[in-house]
Amino acid sequence: MEAGKQSQTPRKTSSGMEENIAGLLTYTLGFITGILFLLIEKENKFVRFHAMQSIVVFGSLFVVSLVLSVIPVIGTIASSLLLPPLSMIVWIVLMVKAYQGHLYKLPFVGEFSEKQLEKIK
C-alpha cells in the first residue's frame, strides 16, 4: 500500500481484528502497545508499520521528556508545558489516520520505522 493511500476494505489481521482497529490500538498506550502489537502481529504490514512508528515516536518523546525534566528551569518548562500538548496532538492525529486506513508516515520517523521493520523480518 502506498503512503497516504486508504485501504478500500479493512482486512483482518492475524489477531482477528480489522487492520484499521489494530492500527489505532498500536497508539493507545504509546510505545507499550506498539511493542505489544509488533510482537503479536506477524503478517499485516499496515499494523506492523503503525506499531513500529508508535514505538519510535512515543519512545523518543518519553526519552526527550526524561532528559528535559533534569534540566533546570528551561527543561522543566519544556517538559511540562510544551511536550504534553505536542504529544497529545501527534497521538490523536496518528490514531485518526490509522483508523481511517491511512499508512500515514510522520516526517523522518515514518521512513526510519519502515527501515527498522525491514531489518527485523
Protein backbone atom coordinates (compact mmCIF):
# COMPACT_ATOMS: atom_id res chain seq x y z
CA MET A 1 0.00 0.00 0.00
CA GLU A 2 1.38 3.42 -0.91
CA ALA A 3 1.92 6.10 1.71
CA GLY A 4 -1.24 8.04 2.37
CA LYS A 5 -3.46 5.64 0.45
CA GLN A 6 -6.61 4.47 2.14
CA SER A 7 -7.39 0.79 2.30
CA GLN A 8 -10.59 0.01 0.37
CA THR A 9 -11.91 -2.66 2.69
CA PRO A 10 -10.43 -3.29 6.11
CA ARG A 11 -8.65 -6.63 6.14
CA LYS A 12 -8.40 -8.95 9.10
CA THR A 13 -5.10 -9.31 10.91
CA SER A 14 -3.60 -12.49 12.29
CA SER A 15 -5.10 -11.49 15.66
CA GLY A 16 -8.59 -11.48 14.10
CA MET A 17 -9.12 -7.70 14.29
CA GLU A 18 -9.69 -5.43 11.34
CA GLU A 19 -6.43 -3.76 10.40
CA ASN A 20 -7.68 -0.21 10.96
CA ILE A 21 -8.76 -1.05 14.53
CA ALA A 22 -5.47 -2.79 15.24
CA GLY A 23 -3.60 0.17 13.71
CA LEU A 24 -5.43 2.57 16.00
CA LEU A 25 -4.75 0.38 19.03
CA THR A 26 -0.99 0.42 18.37
CA TYR A 27 -1.03 4.05 19.53
CA THR A 28 -3.38 3.84 22.53
CA LEU A 29 -0.72 3.41 25.23
CA GLY A 30 2.20 4.80 23.26
CA PHE A 31 5.26 2.65 22.77
CA ILE A 32 3.86 -0.05 25.10
CA THR A 33 1.03 -1.03 22.74
CA GLY A 34 3.41 -0.53 19.82
CA ILE A 35 5.70 -3.22 21.24
CA LEU A 36 2.75 -5.47 22.04
CA PHE A 37 1.32 -5.30 18.50
CA LEU A 38 4.74 -5.70 16.91
CA LEU A 39 5.13 -8.96 18.85
CA ILE A 40 1.58 -10.18 18.18
CA GLU A 41 1.13 -9.23 14.52
CA LYS A 42 3.46 -11.19 12.25
CA GLU A 43 1.89 -10.68 8.81
CA ASN A 44 -0.06 -7.46 8.36
CA LYS A 45 2.31 -4.75 7.11
CA PHE A 46 -0.14 -1.94 7.91
CA VAL A 47 -0.37 -2.87 11.59
CA ARG A 48 3.35 -3.62 11.88
CA PHE A 49 4.22 -0.21 10.39
CA HIS A 50 1.94 1.63 12.80
CA ALA A 51 3.29 -0.41 15.72
CA MET A 52 6.88 0.47 14.82
CA GLN A 53 6.02 4.13 14.25
CA SER A 54 4.33 4.17 17.68
CA ILE A 55 7.45 2.73 19.31
CA VAL A 56 9.75 5.23 17.63
CA VAL A 57 7.56 8.33 18.18
CA PHE A 58 6.43 7.73 21.72
CA GLY A 59 9.67 6.10 22.83
CA SER A 60 11.52 9.18 21.60
CA LEU A 61 9.07 11.55 23.28
CA PHE A 62 9.48 9.59 26.53
CA VAL A 63 13.28 9.86 26.39
CA VAL A 64 13.15 13.58 25.48
CA SER A 65 10.78 14.17 28.40
CA LEU A 66 13.15 12.42 30.79
CA VAL A 67 16.15 14.40 29.55
CA LEU A 68 14.31 17.73 29.68
CA SER A 69 12.99 17.08 33.17
CA VAL A 70 16.53 17.05 34.63
CA ILE A 71 17.49 20.38 33.02
CA PRO A 72 16.72 23.22 35.45
CA VAL A 73 14.08 25.83 34.54
CA ILE A 74 14.06 25.69 30.70
CA GLY A 75 13.94 21.90 30.61
CA THR A 76 11.27 21.76 33.26
CA ILE A 77 9.14 24.32 31.41
CA ALA A 78 9.58 22.50 28.09
CA SER A 79 8.83 19.08 29.57
CA SER A 80 5.72 20.27 31.38
CA LEU A 81 4.27 22.96 29.09
CA LEU A 82 5.41 22.21 25.53
CA LEU A 83 5.82 18.46 25.27
CA PRO A 84 2.40 17.32 26.60
CA PRO A 85 0.29 19.31 24.08
CA LEU A 86 2.62 18.31 21.24
CA SER A 87 2.41 14.65 22.28
CA MET A 88 -1.39 14.81 22.52
CA ILE A 89 -1.75 16.32 19.03
CA VAL A 90 0.59 13.75 17.47
CA TRP A 91 -1.18 10.94 19.34
CA ILE A 92 -4.65 11.98 18.12
CA VAL A 93 -3.53 12.54 14.52
CA LEU A 94 -1.82 9.15 14.35
CA MET A 95 -4.80 7.30 15.83
CA VAL A 96 -7.27 9.01 13.47
CA LYS A 97 -5.11 8.34 10.41
CA ALA A 98 -4.66 4.67 11.35
CA TYR A 99 -8.40 4.26 11.97
CA GLN A 100 -9.13 5.79 8.56
CA GLY A 101 -6.88 3.16 7.00
CA HIS A 102 -4.09 5.55 6.00
CA LEU A 103 -0.48 4.45 6.07
CA TYR A 104 0.44 7.86 7.45
CA LYS A 105 4.16 8.48 7.80
CA LEU A 106 5.46 11.23 10.02
CA PRO A 107 8.43 13.10 8.52
CA PHE A 108 11.71 11.26 9.21
CA VAL A 109 10.06 8.85 11.67
CA GLY A 110 7.98 7.07 9.02
CA GLU A 111 10.96 6.21 6.83
CA PHE A 112 13.03 5.23 9.86
CA SER A 113 10.23 2.96 11.06
CA GLU A 114 10.00 1.22 7.67
CA LYS A 115 13.77 0.61 7.63
CA GLN A 116 13.63 -0.88 11.11
CA LEU A 117 10.81 -3.22 10.08
CA GLU A 118 12.86 -4.45 7.12
CA LYS A 119 15.71 -5.28 9.49
CA ILE A 120 13.58 -7.42 11.82
CA LYS A 121 11.77 -9.55 9.20
